[in-house]
């Protein structure tokens, strides 16, 4: 019988049974050494890490708790040598049960689809957006026509909870949404411009070929309008191919360069507002500084991929 993997704690004992190297029915014991491990197997990784001796051939075998309930399915090991070094990973029983149930009922597995591009927050971005901490997933771009956009989720929203369960990272949000059934309603806790909102979204089905918004044409390299160097070390020019400003050049030792801005990037927003001229850009930086922020938020597009960047500011006395 399955146990409750959500109640497993670091330090709890587990017993692993498997078929390592063809030796059927081998039993090893250890403890849970970590929870929620990401091993880059997929975007939905949420493994129990155990230190029981698990080797090749153990995959698919159960990990039991001390009550004899299955709390994990042994799946992978980390090993420079190919043998056990005390680091193994098991799919939590809660996820395994969901997959098994779907396979029994329909013969295939589906995941809920929200339809947003996301990024994690850092301290600079959190301050620039007026947040108390860096917990949450920042929406860089809702996909047009997808459930999130239809429900009113906007670029720049910070999703901090799903059905009342806190969200700390973009990966955590993706995992929580993927565990919901297509067609189900989820309540998202959102912070937008400093205000807390609740938005209910009806999820769609995640297709294997779902992609982000189409990539627009790269900004032209030849631009001759006036250029203005900002106080954060970037020189911007109007974008001849659309909205925003193109980064023409960056001072090598500037704070903007240290945050990964590059020539050719398109700055679509600064301090939460659209910018269409170098004067708009500098005014937005000055506004962030006058508001006492230690960083200014920039909405930046590069090769069609949108992200937010928090650039530190020097507060003028």
Protein backbone atom coordinates (compact mmCIF):
# COMPACT_ATOMS: atom_id res chain seq x y z
CA UNK A 1 0.00 0.00 0.00
CA UNK A 2 1.05 3.57 -0.61
CA UNK A 3 2.02 5.87 2.23
CA UNK A 4 1.92 9.66 2.44
CA UNK A 5 5.18 10.87 0.88
CA UNK A 6 4.30 14.47 1.74
CA UNK A 7 4.82 13.61 5.42
CA UNK A 8 8.32 12.20 4.92
CA UNK A 9 10.98 14.27 6.70
CA UNK A 10 14.71 14.55 6.20
CA UNK A 11 16.18 11.90 8.51
CA UNK A 12 13.23 9.47 8.29
CA UNK A 13 14.26 5.88 7.64
CA UNK A 14 13.48 4.15 4.33
CA UNK A 15 13.95 0.61 3.03
CA UNK A 16 14.60 0.10 -0.68
CA UNK A 17 13.86 -3.13 -2.53
CA UNK A 18 15.10 -3.82 -6.04
CA UNK A 19 16.98 -5.99 -8.50
CA UNK A 20 20.51 -4.51 -8.61
CA UNK A 21 22.84 -6.24 -11.06
CA UNK A 22 20.28 -9.03 -11.48
CA UNK A 23 20.29 -9.90 -7.78
CA UNK A 24 16.52 -10.07 -7.29
CA UNK A 25 14.85 -9.05 -4.05
CA UNK A 26 17.78 -7.11 -2.60
CA UNK A 27 16.91 -4.98 0.44
CA UNK A 28 18.89 -1.93 1.60
CA UNK A 29 18.15 0.70 4.22
CA UNK A 30 18.95 4.38 4.68
CA UNK A 31 17.36 7.73 5.38
CA UNK A 32 15.69 10.52 3.43
CA UNK A 33 18.57 12.95 2.93
CA UNK A 34 16.64 15.68 1.06
CA UNK A 35 13.24 16.54 -0.34
CA UNK A 36 12.18 18.28 -3.54
CA UNK A 37 15.41 17.55 -5.37
CA UNK A 38 15.83 18.86 -8.93
CA UNK A 39 18.11 16.60 -10.98
CA UNK A 40 17.32 18.23 -14.35
CA UNK A 41 15.37 15.20 -15.53
CA UNK A 42 12.42 17.45 -16.42
CA UNK A 43 10.90 20.78 -15.49
CA UNK A 44 8.73 19.01 -12.93
CA UNK A 45 11.43 17.36 -10.81
CA UNK A 46 10.44 16.78 -7.19
CA UNK A 47 12.48 13.80 -6.01
CA UNK A 48 13.08 12.32 -2.59
CA UNK A 49 16.82 11.93 -2.13
CA UNK A 50 17.76 8.83 -0.14
CA UNK A 51 21.08 7.34 0.92
CA UNK A 52 20.01 3.68 0.88
CA UNK A 53 22.25 1.61 -1.40
CA UNK A 54 20.53 1.90 -4.78
CA UNK A 55 22.30 0.68 -7.91
CA UNK A 56 21.54 -0.02 -11.55
CA UNK A 57 18.62 -2.42 -11.59
CA UNK A 58 16.89 -0.82 -8.64
CA UNK A 59 14.86 1.51 -10.86
CA UNK A 60 11.14 0.91 -10.49
CA UNK A 61 11.56 -0.70 -7.09
CA UNK A 62 9.77 0.67 -4.03
CA UNK A 63 11.09 2.63 -1.06
CA UNK A 64 9.14 1.87 2.10
CA UNK A 65 8.78 3.87 5.31
CA UNK A 66 9.07 2.18 8.71
CA UNK A 67 5.35 1.36 8.61
CA UNK A 68 5.84 -0.71 5.46
CA UNK A 69 4.09 1.79 3.19
CA UNK A 70 5.49 2.72 -0.22
CA UNK A 71 6.61 6.36 -0.13
CA UNK A 72 8.73 6.42 -3.29
CA UNK A 73 9.67 4.69 -6.54
CA UNK A 74 13.45 4.41 -6.97
CA UNK A 75 14.39 6.11 -10.21
CA UNK A 76 17.95 7.43 -10.50
CA UNK A 77 21.36 7.62 -8.86
CA UNK A 78 24.17 10.13 -8.90
CA UNK A 79 27.49 8.38 -9.27
CA UNK A 80 30.83 9.24 -10.87
CA UNK A 81 31.67 5.52 -10.88
CA UNK A 82 28.32 4.08 -11.97
CA UNK A 83 27.81 2.36 -8.62
CA UNK A 84 26.24 3.40 -5.35
CA UNK A 85 27.82 6.38 -3.59
CA UNK A 86 24.92 7.08 -1.25
CA UNK A 87 22.95 9.48 -3.46
CA UNK A 88 19.75 8.08 -4.99
CA UNK A 89 16.44 9.59 -6.02
CA UNK A 90 12.88 8.32 -5.75
CA UNK A 91 9.67 9.63 -7.28
CA UNK A 92 7.37 10.55 -4.36
CA UNK A 93 4.38 8.25 -3.88
CA UNK A 94 1.98 11.17 -4.27
CA UNK A 95 3.18 11.73 -7.84
CA UNK A 96 3.36 8.02 -8.63
CA UNK A 97 -0.26 7.55 -7.50
CA UNK A 98 -1.43 10.37 -9.75
CA UNK A 99 0.37 8.88 -12.77
CA UNK A 100 -0.92 5.37 -12.04
CA UNK A 101 -4.48 6.61 -11.65
CA UNK A 102 -4.39 8.44 -14.98
CA UNK A 103 -2.88 5.44 -16.78
CA UNK A 104 -5.58 3.15 -15.36
CA UNK A 105 -8.40 5.50 -16.30
CA UNK A 106 -7.31 6.82 -19.70
CA UNK A 107 -4.14 5.02 -20.76
CA UNK A 108 -2.10 8.23 -20.89
CA UNK A 109 -0.90 11.03 -18.61
CA UNK A 110 -2.02 14.65 -18.92
CA UNK A 111 -0.79 17.79 -17.17
CA UNK A 112 -2.53 21.05 -16.45
CA UNK A 113 -1.51 23.95 -18.69
CA UNK A 114 -1.44 27.54 -17.41
CA UNK A 115 0.27 29.22 -20.37
CA UNK A 116 2.88 31.62 -19.03
CA UNK A 117 6.62 32.19 -19.35
CA UNK A 118 8.21 32.47 -15.91
CA UNK A 119 11.41 33.42 -14.15
CA UNK A 120 12.65 33.36 -10.57
CA UNK A 121 13.01 36.50 -8.50
CA UNK A 122 16.22 37.74 -6.91
CA UNK A 123 16.79 40.42 -4.28
CA UNK A 124 17.30 43.19 -6.86
CA UNK A 125 14.08 42.36 -8.70
CA UNK A 126 12.12 41.95 -5.48
CA UNK A 127 13.17 45.42 -4.33
CA UNK A 128 12.54 46.96 -7.74
CA UNK A 129 9.02 45.50 -7.77
CA UNK A 130 8.34 46.59 -4.20
CA UNK A 131 8.12 43.05 -2.80
CA UNK A 132 8.88 42.06 0.77
CA UNK A 133 10.98 39.05 -0.34
CA UNK A 134 12.00 37.07 -3.40
CA UNK A 135 9.41 34.29 -2.99
CA UNK A 136 7.18 33.66 -5.99
CA UNK A 137 7.29 33.17 -9.76
CA UNK A 138 7.49 36.26 -11.96
CA UNK A 139 5.34 36.16 -15.11
CA UNK A 140 7.45 37.46 -17.98
CA UNK A 141 4.86 36.86 -20.68
CA UNK A 142 1.41 35.21 -20.79
CA UNK A 143 0.90 33.17 -23.95
CA UNK A 144 -1.79 34.73 -26.13
CA UNK A 145 -5.01 32.74 -26.01
CA UNK A 146 -3.83 30.49 -23.17
CA UNK A 147 -5.78 30.07 -19.90
CA UNK A 148 -3.70 32.54 -17.86
CA UNK A 149 -4.10 35.37 -20.37
CA UNK A 150 -7.82 34.67 -20.71
CA UNK A 151 -8.22 34.94 -16.93
CA UNK A 152 -6.39 38.27 -16.75
CA UNK A 153 -2.84 37.31 -15.72
CA UNK A 154 -0.40 39.97 -16.95
CA UNK A 155 3.30 40.35 -17.59
CA UNK A 156 4.97 41.50 -14.37
CA UNK A 157 2.55 39.65 -12.08
CA UNK A 158 4.19 37.67 -9.29
CA UNK A 159 2.40 34.39 -8.54
CA UNK A 160 2.89 33.58 -4.85
CA UNK A 161 0.37 30.76 -4.28
CA UNK A 162 -1.74 28.09 -5.97
CA UNK A 163 -4.96 27.13 -4.21
CA UNK A 164 -3.54 28.59 -1.02
CA UNK A 165 -0.23 26.67 -1.21
CA UNK A 166 2.79 28.97 -1.23
CA UNK A 167 5.04 29.20 -4.29
CA UNK A 168 8.73 30.05 -3.91
CA UNK A 169 10.14 29.46 -7.40
CA UNK A 170 9.05 29.20 -11.03
CA UNK A 171 9.84 25.48 -11.05
CA UNK A 172 7.66 24.96 -7.98
CA UNK A 173 4.76 26.72 -9.71
CA UNK A 174 5.19 24.58 -12.84
CA UNK A 175 5.17 21.43 -10.72
CA UNK A 176 2.02 22.43 -8.83
CA UNK A 177 0.17 23.31 -12.03
CA UNK A 178 1.29 20.10 -13.77
CA UNK A 179 -0.31 18.06 -10.99
CA UNK A 180 -3.72 19.61 -11.64
CA UNK A 181 -6.16 18.09 -14.10
CA UNK A 182 -6.96 19.87 -17.36
CA UNK A 183 -10.30 21.62 -17.05
CA UNK A 184 -9.92 22.18 -13.30
CA UNK A 185 -10.04 25.63 -11.70
CA UNK A 186 -7.06 26.88 -9.70
CA UNK A 187 -6.90 30.04 -7.62
CA UNK A 188 -3.68 31.98 -8.10
CA UNK A 189 -2.47 34.37 -5.43
CA UNK A 190 -0.87 37.27 -7.31
CA UNK A 191 0.96 40.46 -6.40
CA UNK A 192 0.52 43.19 -9.01
CA UNK A 193 1.87 46.71 -8.48
CA UNK A 194 2.04 46.05 -4.74
CA UNK A 195 -1.57 44.83 -4.48
CA UNK A 196 -2.61 41.27 -3.62
CA UNK A 197 -5.08 39.69 -6.04
CA UNK A 198 -6.80 36.32 -6.43
CA UNK A 199 -7.35 35.15 -10.00
CA UNK A 200 -9.14 31.91 -10.86
CA UNK A 201 -7.84 30.16 -13.98
CA UNK A 202 -9.41 27.19 -15.76
CA UNK A 203 -6.49 25.05 -16.87
CA UNK A 204 -6.11 23.57 -20.33
CA UNK A 205 -4.25 20.42 -21.31
CA UNK A 206 -0.48 20.70 -21.74
CA UNK A 207 0.52 19.49 -25.19
CA UNK A 208 4.03 18.20 -25.81
CA UNK A 209 4.59 20.81 -28.52
CA UNK A 210 3.41 23.81 -26.48
CA UNK A 211 5.87 26.62 -27.00
CA UNK A 212 6.25 30.21 -25.92
CA UNK A 213 5.11 33.13 -28.00
CA UNK A 214 6.61 33.32 -31.53
CA UNK A 215 9.99 34.96 -31.88
CA UNK A 216 9.84 38.43 -33.43
CA UNK A 217 12.46 39.71 -35.82
CA UNK A 218 15.72 40.77 -34.23
CA UNK A 219 16.16 44.52 -33.85
CA UNK A 220 18.03 46.26 -36.62
CA UNK A 221 21.64 46.91 -35.88
CA UNK A 222 21.78 50.10 -37.90
CA UNK A 223 19.98 52.88 -36.04
CA UNK A 224 20.78 56.50 -36.44
CA UNK A 225 18.46 58.44 -34.09
CA UNK A 226 19.95 60.26 -31.18
CA UNK A 227 21.50 58.13 -28.46
CA UNK A 228 21.46 58.80 -24.77
CA UNK A 229 23.64 57.18 -22.14
CA UNK A 230 21.71 56.43 -18.95
CA UNK A 231 22.91 56.63 -15.38
CA UNK A 232 23.10 52.82 -15.18
CA UNK A 233 25.65 52.59 -17.98
CA UNK A 234 23.58 51.75 -21.08
CA UNK A 235 23.13 53.75 -24.25
CA UNK A 236 19.67 53.36 -25.74
CA UNK A 237 18.08 54.30 -29.06
CA UNK A 238 14.46 54.15 -30.28
CA UNK A 239 13.41 50.77 -31.64
CA UNK A 240 12.69 51.13 -35.35
CA UNK A 241 11.06 47.70 -35.48
CA UNK A 242 8.52 48.23 -32.70
CA UNK A 243 7.98 49.43 -29.17
CA UNK A 244 10.65 50.05 -26.57
CA UNK A 245 14.29 51.01 -26.77
CA UNK A 246 17.23 49.11 -28.22
CA UNK A 247 20.41 48.87 -26.16
CA UNK A 248 23.05 50.36 -28.44
CA UNK A 249 26.06 49.94 -26.15
CA UNK A 250 26.95 49.20 -22.53
CA UNK A 251 29.80 50.37 -20.36
CA UNK A 252 31.87 47.30 -19.58
CA UNK A 253 32.14 47.95 -15.85
CA UNK A 254 28.56 49.21 -15.36
CA UNK A 255 25.88 47.66 -13.13
CA UNK A 256 23.79 46.98 -16.25
CA UNK A 257 26.59 44.89 -17.74
CA UNK A 258 26.95 42.98 -14.47
CA UNK A 259 23.27 42.01 -14.70
CA UNK A 260 23.63 40.55 -18.20
CA UNK A 261 22.25 43.31 -20.43
CA UNK A 262 23.73 43.22 -23.93
CA UNK A 263 23.69 45.39 -27.05
CA UNK A 264 20.65 44.50 -29.14
CA UNK A 265 18.41 43.87 -26.14
CA UNK A 266 15.06 45.63 -26.34
CA UNK A 267 13.97 47.39 -23.15
CA UNK A 268 10.17 47.41 -23.24
CA UNK A 269 9.47 48.75 -19.74
CA UNK A 270 11.36 50.46 -16.95
CA UNK A 271 10.08 50.79 -13.38
CA UNK A 272 6.77 49.25 -14.47
CA UNK A 273 6.04 51.68 -17.32
CA UNK A 274 6.51 51.58 -21.08
CA UNK A 275 9.45 53.52 -22.53
CA UNK A 276 9.64 54.87 -26.07
CA UNK A 277 12.43 57.45 -25.86
CA UNK A 278 15.77 57.81 -24.06
CA UNK A 279 14.15 60.58 -22.01
CA UNK A 280 11.40 58.19 -20.86
CA UNK A 281 14.06 55.70 -19.83
CA UNK A 282 16.06 58.16 -17.77
CA UNK A 283 12.88 59.53 -16.18
CA UNK A 284 11.87 56.00 -15.13
CA UNK A 285 15.28 55.45 -13.52
CA UNK A 286 15.01 58.77 -11.69
CA UNK A 287 11.50 57.86 -10.52
CA UNK A 288 12.69 54.55 -9.09
CA UNK A 289 15.51 56.34 -7.31
CA UNK A 290 13.18 59.01 -5.89
CA UNK A 291 10.86 56.27 -4.62
CA UNK A 292 13.75 54.99 -2.52
CA UNK A 293 14.21 51.77 -4.47
CA UNK A 294 17.66 50.27 -4.52
CA UNK A 295 17.08 48.79 -8.00
CA UNK A 296 15.04 49.52 -11.11
CA UNK A 297 13.10 46.77 -12.89
CA UNK A 298 13.52 46.45 -16.66
CA UNK A 299 11.36 44.31 -18.93
CA UNK A 300 13.81 43.12 -21.58
CA UNK A 301 13.28 41.16 -24.78
CA UNK A 302 16.11 39.23 -26.44
CA UNK A 303 15.50 37.07 -29.51
CA UNK A 304 11.81 37.00 -28.64
CA UNK A 305 12.35 35.81 -25.06
CA UNK A 306 11.09 38.23 -22.42
CA UNK A 307 12.58 38.49 -18.94
CA UNK A 308 12.79 40.98 -16.12
CA UNK A 309 16.10 42.36 -14.86
CA UNK A 310 16.70 44.21 -11.61
CA UNK A 311 19.52 46.75 -12.03
CA UNK A 312 20.92 48.27 -8.79
CA UNK A 313 20.81 52.03 -8.38
CA UNK A 314 22.99 54.43 -6.49
CA UNK A 315 20.72 56.48 -4.25
CA UNK A 316 21.60 60.14 -4.65
CA UNK A 317 21.82 62.17 -1.44
